[in-house]
Structures are given as structure tokens and as C-alpha cells.
Amino acid sequence: MANIEMIQEKIGEAIGLEKAAQKAVEELDSRGLLKPEQMKRLSKMRDEASKQEQEMHELVQDLNESDGFQVATIEDKAEETSGQGFKDYGNLFG
């Protein structure tokens, strides 16, 4: 079987990136930096990111039950990645 720790880390990173994308769209919206039609497109992307995040959480639960994946390990990596991704984004706009 593949290295479970590596898989958990990669899943956590993917979840974290989806969270960071959602935060970035919310930040852009709150700053009013984009035209309404641009925000409409970004809002759709935020919704898609939210859906992907939810599907990945469901996958994590399935993997936890079937293969003993550690939900806490995945969530920790997701939070770390999300925080770093949003920090990087924030550096673009100050």
C-alpha cells in the first residue's frame, strides 16, 4: 500500500487550498475590488471550491473507516495549507 502519511498530507493540502480559495474570494468581495460580473464568476468558483472541499471531507471519512486514515492529521495539514495560502494571497494585496 502507498505511504498513508504522504496521502494524508496531500489530501490535507488539497482541502486547505480549497479553503484558501474560498477565503480569497470572500476577501475580494469585502474589499469591493472587482466589478459585479467578475464577482459573479468568482462567487461561482467559491461555490465550486466549497463543493470540492465537502466531497474531500466525505472521502476522508470513508478512508478513515476503511483504511484507518487519521482525520486529525489531514485536518491539521488542511489548516496549515489554508493559512499559508491565504497569507500568500494577502501579500499580493497588502
Protein backbone atom coordinates (compact mmCIF):
# COMPACT_ATOMS: atom_id res chain seq x y z
CA MET A 1 0.00 0.00 0.00
CA ALA A 2 1.16 3.54 -0.71
CA ASN A 3 2.57 5.62 2.09
CA ILE A 4 -0.52 6.58 4.09
CA GLU A 5 1.18 9.57 5.70
CA MET A 6 2.02 11.06 2.29
CA ILE A 7 -1.53 10.50 1.03
CA GLN A 8 -2.98 12.09 4.17
CA GLU A 9 -0.68 15.08 3.70
CA LYS A 10 -1.67 15.54 0.05
CA ILE A 11 -5.38 15.27 0.82
CA GLY A 12 -4.92 17.81 3.61
CA GLU A 13 -3.13 20.16 1.24
CA ALA A 14 -5.93 19.83 -1.32
CA ILE A 15 -8.57 20.63 1.29
CA GLY A 16 -6.50 23.57 2.52
CA LEU A 17 -6.19 25.02 -0.96
CA GLU A 18 -9.95 24.82 -1.43
CA LYS A 19 -10.42 26.67 1.88
CA ALA A 20 -7.85 29.32 0.90
CA ALA A 21 -9.60 29.87 -2.43
CA GLN A 22 -12.90 30.46 -0.65
CA LYS A 23 -11.29 32.91 1.79
CA ALA A 24 -9.63 34.80 -1.08
CA VAL A 25 -12.94 35.28 -2.90
CA GLU A 26 -14.60 36.47 0.31
CA GLU A 27 -11.76 38.95 0.85
CA LEU A 28 -12.03 40.29 -2.69
CA ASP A 29 -15.77 40.65 -2.26
CA SER A 30 -15.42 42.50 1.04
CA ARG A 31 -12.90 44.94 -0.46
CA GLY A 32 -15.12 45.68 -3.46
CA LEU A 33 -12.15 45.41 -5.84
CA LEU A 34 -13.98 43.73 -8.69
CA LYS A 35 -16.84 44.54 -10.99
CA PRO A 36 -20.16 42.77 -10.33
CA GLU A 37 -19.77 40.44 -13.32
CA GLN A 38 -16.30 39.45 -12.11
CA MET A 39 -17.60 38.79 -8.62
CA LYS A 40 -20.38 36.68 -10.07
CA ARG A 41 -17.79 34.44 -11.76
CA LEU A 42 -15.64 34.31 -8.64
CA SER A 43 -18.66 33.50 -6.49
CA LYS A 44 -19.34 30.52 -8.73
CA MET A 45 -15.73 29.43 -8.29
CA ARG A 46 -16.06 29.84 -4.50
CA ASP A 47 -19.16 27.64 -4.55
CA GLU A 48 -17.31 25.02 -6.58
CA ALA A 49 -14.40 25.12 -4.12
CA SER A 50 -16.84 24.64 -1.26
CA LYS A 51 -18.39 21.64 -3.00
CA GLN A 52 -14.96 20.13 -3.65
CA GLU A 53 -13.98 20.67 -0.04
CA GLN A 54 -17.14 18.91 1.15
CA GLU A 55 -16.55 15.98 -1.20
CA MET A 56 -12.98 15.63 0.06
CA HIS A 57 -14.20 15.62 3.68
CA GLU A 58 -16.57 12.80 2.76
CA LEU A 59 -13.68 10.93 1.16
CA VAL A 60 -11.61 11.41 4.31
CA GLN A 61 -14.41 9.92 6.42
CA ASP A 62 -14.61 6.93 4.09
CA LEU A 63 -10.83 6.46 4.20
CA ASN A 64 -10.88 6.76 7.97
CA GLU A 65 -13.44 3.99 8.23
CA SER A 66 -11.98 1.69 5.56
CA ASP A 67 -8.21 2.26 5.80
CA GLY A 68 -7.62 3.90 9.15
CA PHE A 69 -6.67 7.33 7.82
CA GLN A 70 -6.25 9.92 10.58
CA VAL A 71 -8.81 12.70 10.20
CA ALA A 72 -6.95 14.95 12.67
CA THR A 73 -3.71 14.65 10.68
CA ILE A 74 -5.48 15.59 7.46
CA GLU A 75 -7.33 18.49 9.10
CA ASP A 76 -4.11 19.82 10.63
CA LYS A 77 -2.44 19.85 7.21
CA ALA A 78 -5.53 21.45 5.67
CA GLU A 79 -5.45 24.28 8.22
CA GLU A 80 -1.71 24.77 7.75
CA THR A 81 -2.06 24.90 3.96
CA SER A 82 -5.11 27.14 4.10
CA GLY A 83 -3.38 29.58 6.40
CA GLN A 84 -0.26 29.70 4.26
CA GLY A 85 -2.24 30.00 1.04
CA PHE A 86 -4.31 32.85 2.38
CA LYS A 87 -1.20 34.54 3.81
CA ASP A 88 0.43 34.35 0.37
CA TYR A 89 -2.71 35.79 -1.18
CA GLY A 90 -2.80 38.58 1.40
CA ASN A 91 0.74 39.58 0.48
CA LEU A 92 -0.49 40.38 -3.02
CA PHE A 93 -2.94 43.00 -1.79
CA GLY A 94 -1.25 44.18 1.38
